[in-house]
Amino acid sequence: MTIILLKFKDRVISETNLGRTVLTIGRDRGSDIKIDNSAVSGTHATIWQEGENIIIKDADSTNGTYFKGQ
């Protein structure tokens, strides 16, 4: 089971089980992983698991989506 941790500095804000579905990340109330920050678009990105790989895809957000600085 893959757990997605939403963290701010060293504090865990939330934990979400990735499971076998596509999760949405964003500021909108209906987002699976909700981030209340003006730098985050309403629908910012999606994330899912394919086999051993975790895929994150930007949803044409205003500020882009970065993982490990890329």
PDB file of N, CA and C in Angstrom:
ATOM      1  N   MET A   1       0.851  -1.176   0.000  1.00  0.00           N
ATOM      2  CA  MET A   1       0.000   0.000   0.000  1.00  0.00           C
ATOM      3  C   MET A   1       0.900   1.243   0.000  1.00  0.00           C
ATOM      4  N   THR A   2       0.593   2.176  -0.874  1.00  0.00           N
ATOM      5  CA  THR A   2       1.352   3.418  -0.969  1.00  0.00           C
ATOM      6  C   THR A   2       0.591   4.542  -0.278  1.00  0.00           C
ATOM      7  N   ILE A   3       1.266   5.244   0.609  1.00  0.00           N
ATOM      8  CA  ILE A   3       0.673   6.363   1.335  1.00  0.00           C
ATOM      9  C   ILE A   3       1.323   7.658   0.838  1.00  0.00           C
ATOM     10  N   ILE A   4       0.503   8.639   0.492  1.00  0.00           N
ATOM     11  CA  ILE A   4       0.979   9.958   0.103  1.00  0.00           C
ATOM     12  C   ILE A   4       0.916  10.850   1.344  1.00  0.00           C
ATOM     13  N   LEU A   5       2.052  11.431   1.708  1.00  0.00           N
ATOM     14  CA  LEU A   5       2.107  12.342   2.845  1.00  0.00           C
ATOM     15  C   LEU A   5       2.145  13.769   2.339  1.00  0.00           C
ATOM     16  N   LEU A   6       1.251  14.606   2.820  1.00  0.00           N
ATOM     17  CA  LEU A   6       1.293  16.041   2.560  1.00  0.00           C
ATOM     18  C   LEU A   6       1.974  16.660   3.765  1.00  0.00           C
ATOM     19  N   LYS A   7       3.138  17.284   3.521  1.00  0.00           N
ATOM     20  CA  LYS A   7       3.933  17.823   4.625  1.00  0.00           C
ATOM     21  C   LYS A   7       4.194  19.307   4.425  1.00  0.00           C
ATOM     22  N   PHE A   8       4.326  20.009   5.525  1.00  0.00           N
ATOM     23  CA  PHE A   8       4.802  21.377   5.539  1.00  0.00           C
ATOM     24  C   PHE A   8       5.961  21.414   6.518  1.00  0.00           C
ATOM     25  N   LYS A   9       7.151  21.689   5.985  1.00  0.00           N
ATOM     26  CA  LYS A   9       8.387  21.579   6.767  1.00  0.00           C
ATOM     27  C   LYS A   9       8.458  20.161   7.314  1.00  0.00           C
ATOM     28  N   ASP A  10       8.547  19.951   8.593  1.00  0.00           N
ATOM     29  CA  ASP A  10       8.637  18.600   9.147  1.00  0.00           C
ATOM     30  C   ASP A  10       7.302  18.066   9.655  1.00  0.00           C
ATOM     31  N   ARG A  11       6.236  18.812   9.464  1.00  0.00           N
ATOM     32  CA  ARG A  11       4.932  18.424  10.001  1.00  0.00           C
ATOM     33  C   ARG A  11       4.068  17.758   8.933  1.00  0.00           C
ATOM     34  N   VAL A  12       3.514  16.588   9.242  1.00  0.00           N
ATOM     35  CA  VAL A  12       2.603  15.895   8.331  1.00  0.00           C
ATOM     36  C   VAL A  12       1.218  16.526   8.476  1.00  0.00           C
ATOM     37  N   ILE A  13       0.714  17.043   7.350  1.00  0.00           N
ATOM     38  CA  ILE A  13      -0.607  17.690   7.321  1.00  0.00           C
ATOM     39  C   ILE A  13      -1.706  16.656   7.092  1.00  0.00           C
ATOM     40  N   SER A  14      -1.449  15.726   6.164  1.00  0.00           N
ATOM     41  CA  SER A  14      -2.437  14.680   5.894  1.00  0.00           C
ATOM     42  C   SER A  14      -1.752  13.459   5.295  1.00  0.00           C
ATOM     43  N   GLU A  15      -2.452  12.325   5.377  1.00  0.00           N
ATOM     44  CA  GLU A  15      -2.007  11.070   4.775  1.00  0.00           C
ATOM     45  C   GLU A  15      -3.138  10.554   3.902  1.00  0.00           C
ATOM     46  N   THR A  16      -2.807  10.129   2.677  1.00  0.00           N
ATOM     47  CA  THR A  16      -3.809   9.610   1.745  1.00  0.00           C
ATOM     48  C   THR A  16      -3.302   8.307   1.155  1.00  0.00           C
ATOM     49  N   ASN A  17      -4.145   7.292   1.157  1.00  0.00           N
ATOM     50  CA  ASN A  17      -3.818   6.008   0.556  1.00  0.00           C
ATOM     51  C   ASN A  17      -3.963   6.141  -0.958  1.00  0.00           C
ATOM     52  N   LEU A  18      -2.893   5.879  -1.698  1.00  0.00           N
ATOM     53  CA  LEU A  18      -2.943   6.009  -3.155  1.00  0.00           C
ATOM     54  C   LEU A  18      -3.830   4.943  -3.774  1.00  0.00           C
ATOM     55  N   GLY A  19      -3.765   3.741  -3.286  1.00  0.00           N
ATOM     56  CA  GLY A  19      -4.638   2.683  -3.790  1.00  0.00           C
ATOM     57  C   GLY A  19      -4.489   2.468  -5.287  1.00  0.00           C
ATOM     58  N   ARG A  20      -5.567   2.163  -5.957  1.00  0.00           N
ATOM     59  CA  ARG A  20      -5.539   1.855  -7.385  1.00  0.00           C
ATOM     60  C   ARG A  20      -6.279   2.895  -8.223  1.00  0.00           C
ATOM     61  N   THR A  21      -6.540   4.047  -7.658  1.00  0.00           N
ATOM     62  CA  THR A  21      -7.292   5.062  -8.376  1.00  0.00           C
ATOM     63  C   THR A  21      -6.410   6.266  -8.687  1.00  0.00           C
ATOM     64  N   VAL A  22      -6.915   7.136  -9.543  1.00  0.00           N
ATOM     65  CA  VAL A  22      -6.251   8.404  -9.829  1.00  0.00           C
ATOM     66  C   VAL A  22      -6.754   9.417  -8.815  1.00  0.00           C
ATOM     67  N   LEU A  23      -5.837  10.080  -8.123  1.00  0.00           N
ATOM     68  CA  LEU A  23      -6.197  11.101  -7.143  1.00  0.00           C
ATOM     69  C   LEU A  23      -5.932  12.484  -7.725  1.00  0.00           C
ATOM     70  N   THR A  24      -6.782  13.434  -7.373  1.00  0.00           N
ATOM     71  CA  THR A  24      -6.567  14.823  -7.786  1.00  0.00           C
ATOM     72  C   THR A  24      -5.912  15.593  -6.642  1.00  0.00           C
ATOM     73  N   ILE A  25      -5.044  16.520  -7.022  1.00  0.00           N
ATOM     74  CA  ILE A  25      -4.372  17.395  -6.071  1.00  0.00           C
ATOM     75  C   ILE A  25      -4.742  18.813  -6.444  1.00  0.00           C
ATOM     76  N   GLY A  26      -5.182  19.612  -5.484  1.00  0.00           N
ATOM     77  CA  GLY A  26      -5.511  20.995  -5.798  1.00  0.00           C
ATOM     78  C   GLY A  26      -6.155  21.727  -4.644  1.00  0.00           C
ATOM     79  N   ARG A  27      -6.544  22.945  -4.950  1.00  0.00           N
ATOM     80  CA  ARG A  27      -7.156  23.823  -3.950  1.00  0.00           C
ATOM     81  C   ARG A  27      -8.671  23.635  -3.869  1.00  0.00           C
ATOM     82  N   ASP A  28      -9.284  23.079  -4.931  1.00  0.00           N
ATOM     83  CA  ASP A  28     -10.741  22.893  -4.945  1.00  0.00           C
ATOM     84  C   ASP A  28     -11.209  21.989  -3.819  1.00  0.00           C
ATOM     85  N   ARG A  29     -12.383  22.265  -3.331  1.00  0.00           N
ATOM     86  CA  ARG A  29     -12.981  21.498  -2.235  1.00  0.00           C
ATOM     87  C   ARG A  29     -13.069  20.012  -2.560  1.00  0.00           C
ATOM     88  N   GLY A  30     -13.315  19.650  -3.812  1.00  0.00           N
ATOM     89  CA  GLY A  30     -13.475  18.255  -4.205  1.00  0.00           C
ATOM     90  C   GLY A  30     -12.180  17.505  -4.464  1.00  0.00           C
ATOM     91  N   SER A  31     -11.038  18.144  -4.290  1.00  0.00           N
ATOM     92  CA  SER A  31      -9.753  17.475  -4.523  1.00  0.00           C
ATOM     93  C   SER A  31      -9.534  16.367  -3.499  1.00  0.00           C
ATOM     94  N   ASP A  32      -8.937  15.280  -3.970  1.00  0.00           N
ATOM     95  CA  ASP A  32      -8.619  14.178  -3.052  1.00  0.00           C
ATOM     96  C   ASP A  32      -7.534  14.588  -2.069  1.00  0.00           C
ATOM     97  N   ILE A  33      -6.543  15.317  -2.576  1.00  0.00           N
ATOM     98  CA  ILE A  33      -5.490  15.871  -1.728  1.00  0.00           C
ATOM     99  C   ILE A  33      -5.622  17.379  -1.840  1.00  0.00           C
ATOM    100  N   LYS A  34      -6.214  18.000  -0.817  1.00  0.00           N
ATOM    101  CA  LYS A  34      -6.521  19.433  -0.843  1.00  0.00           C
ATOM    102  C   LYS A  34      -5.379  20.215  -0.212  1.00  0.00           C
ATOM    103  N   ILE A  35      -4.896  21.224  -0.971  1.00  0.00           N
ATOM    104  CA  ILE A  35      -3.826  22.095  -0.489  1.00  0.00           C
ATOM    105  C   ILE A  35      -4.351  23.524  -0.511  1.00  0.00           C
ATOM    106  N   ASP A  36      -4.561  24.089   0.647  1.00  0.00           N
ATOM    107  CA  ASP A  36      -5.120  25.430   0.769  1.00  0.00           C
ATOM    108  C   ASP A  36      -3.990  26.462   0.714  1.00  0.00           C
ATOM    109  N   ASN A  37      -3.558  26.758  -0.520  1.00  0.00           N
ATOM    110  CA  ASN A  37      -2.473  27.703  -0.727  1.00  0.00           C
ATOM    111  C   ASN A  37      -2.710  28.374  -2.074  1.00  0.00           C
ATOM    112  N   SER A  38      -2.569  29.686  -2.145  1.00  0.00           N
ATOM    113  CA  SER A  38      -2.878  30.416  -3.372  1.00  0.00           C
ATOM    114  C   SER A  38      -1.932  30.068  -4.528  1.00  0.00           C
ATOM    115  N   ALA A  39      -0.785  29.463  -4.255  1.00  0.00           N
ATOM    116  CA  ALA A  39       0.134  29.041  -5.318  1.00  0.00           C
ATOM    117  C   ALA A  39      -0.321  27.745  -5.982  1.00  0.00           C
ATOM    118  N   VAL A  40      -1.322  27.090  -5.405  1.00  0.00           N
ATOM    119  CA  VAL A  40      -1.841  25.821  -5.921  1.00  0.00           C
ATOM    120  C   VAL A  40      -3.118  26.099  -6.698  1.00  0.00           C
ATOM    121  N   SER A  41      -3.201  25.569  -7.923  1.00  0.00           N
ATOM    122  CA  SER A  41      -4.397  25.753  -8.752  1.00  0.00           C
ATOM    123  C   SER A  41      -5.565  24.948  -8.190  1.00  0.00           C
ATOM    124  N   GLY A  42      -6.767  25.296  -8.622  1.00  0.00           N
ATOM    125  CA  GLY A  42      -7.954  24.567  -8.186  1.00  0.00           C
ATOM    126  C   GLY A  42      -7.814  23.075  -8.442  1.00  0.00           C
ATOM    127  N   THR A  43      -7.499  22.728  -9.676  1.00  0.00           N
ATOM    128  CA  THR A  43      -7.095  21.374 -10.025  1.00  0.00           C
ATOM    129  C   THR A  43      -5.668  21.492 -10.497  1.00  0.00           C
ATOM    130  N   HIS A  44      -4.730  21.049  -9.693  1.00  0.00           N
ATOM    131  CA  HIS A  44      -3.316  21.303  -9.941  1.00  0.00           C
ATOM    132  C   HIS A  44      -2.626  20.126 -10.637  1.00  0.00           C
ATOM    133  N   ALA A  45      -2.894  18.913 -10.171  1.00  0.00           N
ATOM    134  CA  ALA A  45      -2.220  17.732 -10.719  1.00  0.00           C
ATOM    135  C   ALA A  45      -3.021  16.484 -10.391  1.00  0.00           C
ATOM    136  N   THR A  46      -2.647  15.400 -11.046  1.00  0.00           N
ATOM    137  CA  THR A  46      -3.196  14.086 -10.706  1.00  0.00           C
ATOM    138  C   THR A  46      -2.027  13.169 -10.388  1.00  0.00           C
ATOM    139  N   ILE A  47      -2.313  12.145  -9.588  1.00  0.00           N
ATOM    140  CA  ILE A  47      -1.283  11.190  -9.194  1.00  0.00           C
ATOM    141  C   ILE A  47      -1.906   9.804  -9.141  1.00  0.00           C
ATOM    142  N   TRP A  48      -1.141   8.808  -9.633  1.00  0.00           N
ATOM    143  CA  TRP A  48      -1.617   7.436  -9.621  1.00  0.00           C
ATOM    144  C   TRP A  48      -0.423   6.493  -9.638  1.00  0.00           C
ATOM    145  N   GLN A  49      -0.713   5.213  -9.415  1.00  0.00           N
ATOM    146  CA  GLN A  49       0.332   4.210  -9.393  1.00  0.00           C
ATOM    147  C   GLN A  49       0.134   3.256 -10.554  1.00  0.00           C
ATOM    148  N   GLU A  50       1.227   2.984 -11.273  1.00  0.00           N
ATOM    149  CA  GLU A  50       1.246   1.976 -12.341  1.00  0.00           C
ATOM    150  C   GLU A  50       2.317   0.960 -11.982  1.00  0.00           C
ATOM    151  N   GLY A  51       1.905  -0.185 -11.507  1.00  0.00           N
ATOM    152  CA  GLY A  51       2.867  -1.190 -11.062  1.00  0.00           C
ATOM    153  C   GLY A  51       3.675  -0.650  -9.903  1.00  0.00           C
ATOM    154  N   GLU A  52       4.985  -0.603 -10.052  1.00  0.00           N
ATOM    155  CA  GLU A  52       5.872  -0.087  -9.016  1.00  0.00           C
ATOM    156  C   GLU A  52       6.099   1.416  -9.139  1.00  0.00           C
ATOM    157  N   ASN A  53       5.609   2.026 -10.210  1.00  0.00           N
ATOM    158  CA  ASN A  53       5.858   3.448 -10.485  1.00  0.00           C
ATOM    159  C   ASN A  53       4.732   4.338  -9.983  1.00  0.00           C
ATOM    160  N   ILE A  54       5.096   5.504  -9.462  1.00  0.00           N
ATOM    161  CA  ILE A  54       4.141   6.539  -9.085  1.00  0.00           C
ATOM    162  C   ILE A  54       4.221   7.616 -10.162  1.00  0.00           C
ATOM    163  N   ILE A  55       3.091   7.952 -10.751  1.00  0.00           N
ATOM    164  CA  ILE A  55       3.027   8.937 -11.831  1.00  0.00           C
ATOM    165  C   ILE A  55       2.313  10.177 -11.312  1.00  0.00           C
ATOM    166  N   ILE A  56       2.926  11.338 -11.522  1.00  0.00           N
ATOM    167  CA  ILE A  56       2.267  12.597 -11.200  1.00  0.00           C
ATOM    168  C   ILE A  56       2.241  13.423 -12.475  1.00  0.00           C
ATOM    169  N   LYS A  57       1.066  13.988 -12.792  1.00  0.00           N
ATOM    170  CA  LYS A  57       0.903  14.744 -14.029  1.00  0.00           C
ATOM    171  C   LYS A  57       0.297  16.104 -13.712  1.00  0.00           C
ATOM    172  N   ASP A  58       0.957  17.139 -14.164  1.00  0.00           N
ATOM    173  CA  ASP A  58       0.444  18.489 -13.995  1.00  0.00           C
ATOM    174  C   ASP A  58      -0.849  18.637 -14.794  1.00  0.00           C
ATOM    175  N   ALA A  59      -1.813  19.351 -14.252  1.00  0.00           N
ATOM    176  CA  ALA A  59      -3.113  19.562 -14.914  1.00  0.00           C
ATOM    177  C   ALA A  59      -3.164  20.964 -15.520  1.00  0.00           C
ATOM    178  N   ASP A  60      -2.085  21.346 -16.223  1.00  0.00           N
ATOM    179  CA  ASP A  60      -1.976  22.686 -16.808  1.00  0.00           C
ATOM    180  C   ASP A  60      -2.140  23.762 -15.742  1.00  0.00           C
ATOM    181  N   SER A  61      -1.551  23.528 -14.583  1.00  0.00           N
ATOM    182  CA  SER A  61      -1.636  24.483 -13.482  1.00  0.00           C
ATOM    183  C   SER A  61      -0.848  25.747 -13.811  1.00  0.00           C
ATOM    184  N   THR A  62      -1.184  26.828 -13.149  1.00  0.00           N
ATOM    185  CA  THR A  62      -0.520  28.106 -13.379  1.00  0.00           C
ATOM    186  C   THR A  62       0.955  28.056 -13.017  1.00  0.00           C
ATOM    187  N   ASN A  63       1.303  27.447 -11.900  1.00  0.00           N
ATOM    188  CA  ASN A  63       2.674  27.459 -11.399  1.00  0.00           C
ATOM    189  C   ASN A  63       3.454  26.177 -11.669  1.00  0.00           C
ATOM    190  N   GLY A  64       2.851  25.214 -12.323  1.00  0.00           N
ATOM    191  CA  GLY A  64       3.547  23.966 -12.635  1.00  0.00           C
ATOM    192  C   GLY A  64       3.632  23.025 -11.446  1.00  0.00           C
ATOM    193  N   THR A  65       4.100  21.817 -11.738  1.00  0.00           N
ATOM    194  CA  THR A  65       4.247  20.786 -10.721  1.00  0.00           C
ATOM    195  C   THR A  65       5.682  20.280 -10.775  1.00  0.00           C
ATOM    196  N   TYR A  66       6.317  20.223  -9.621  1.00  0.00           N
ATOM    197  CA  TYR A  66       7.718  19.834  -9.539  1.00  0.00           C
ATOM    198  C   TYR A  66       7.878  18.672  -8.584  1.00  0.00           C
ATOM    199  N   PHE A  67       8.803  17.786  -8.912  1.00  0.00           N
ATOM    200  CA  PHE A  67       9.149  16.678  -8.041  1.00  0.00           C
ATOM    201  C   PHE A  67      10.672  16.636  -7.965  1.00  0.00           C
ATOM    202  N   LYS A  68      11.191  16.742  -6.763  1.00  0.00           N
ATOM    203  CA  LYS A  68      12.638  16.765  -6.533  1.00  0.00           C
ATOM    204  C   LYS A  68      13.311  17.829  -7.410  1.00  0.00           C
ATOM    205  N   GLY A  69      12.685  18.989  -7.515  1.00  0.00           N
ATOM    206  CA  GLY A  69      13.252  20.121  -8.224  1.00  0.00           C
ATOM    207  C   GLY A  69      13.087  20.099  -9.734  1.00  0.00           C
ATOM    208  N   GLN A  70      12.424  19.099 -10.265  1.00  0.00           N
ATOM    209  CA  GLN A  70      12.242  19.004 -11.717  1.00  0.00           C
ATOM    210  C   GLN A  70      10.778  19.076 -12.079  1.00  0.00           C
TER     211      GLN A  70
END
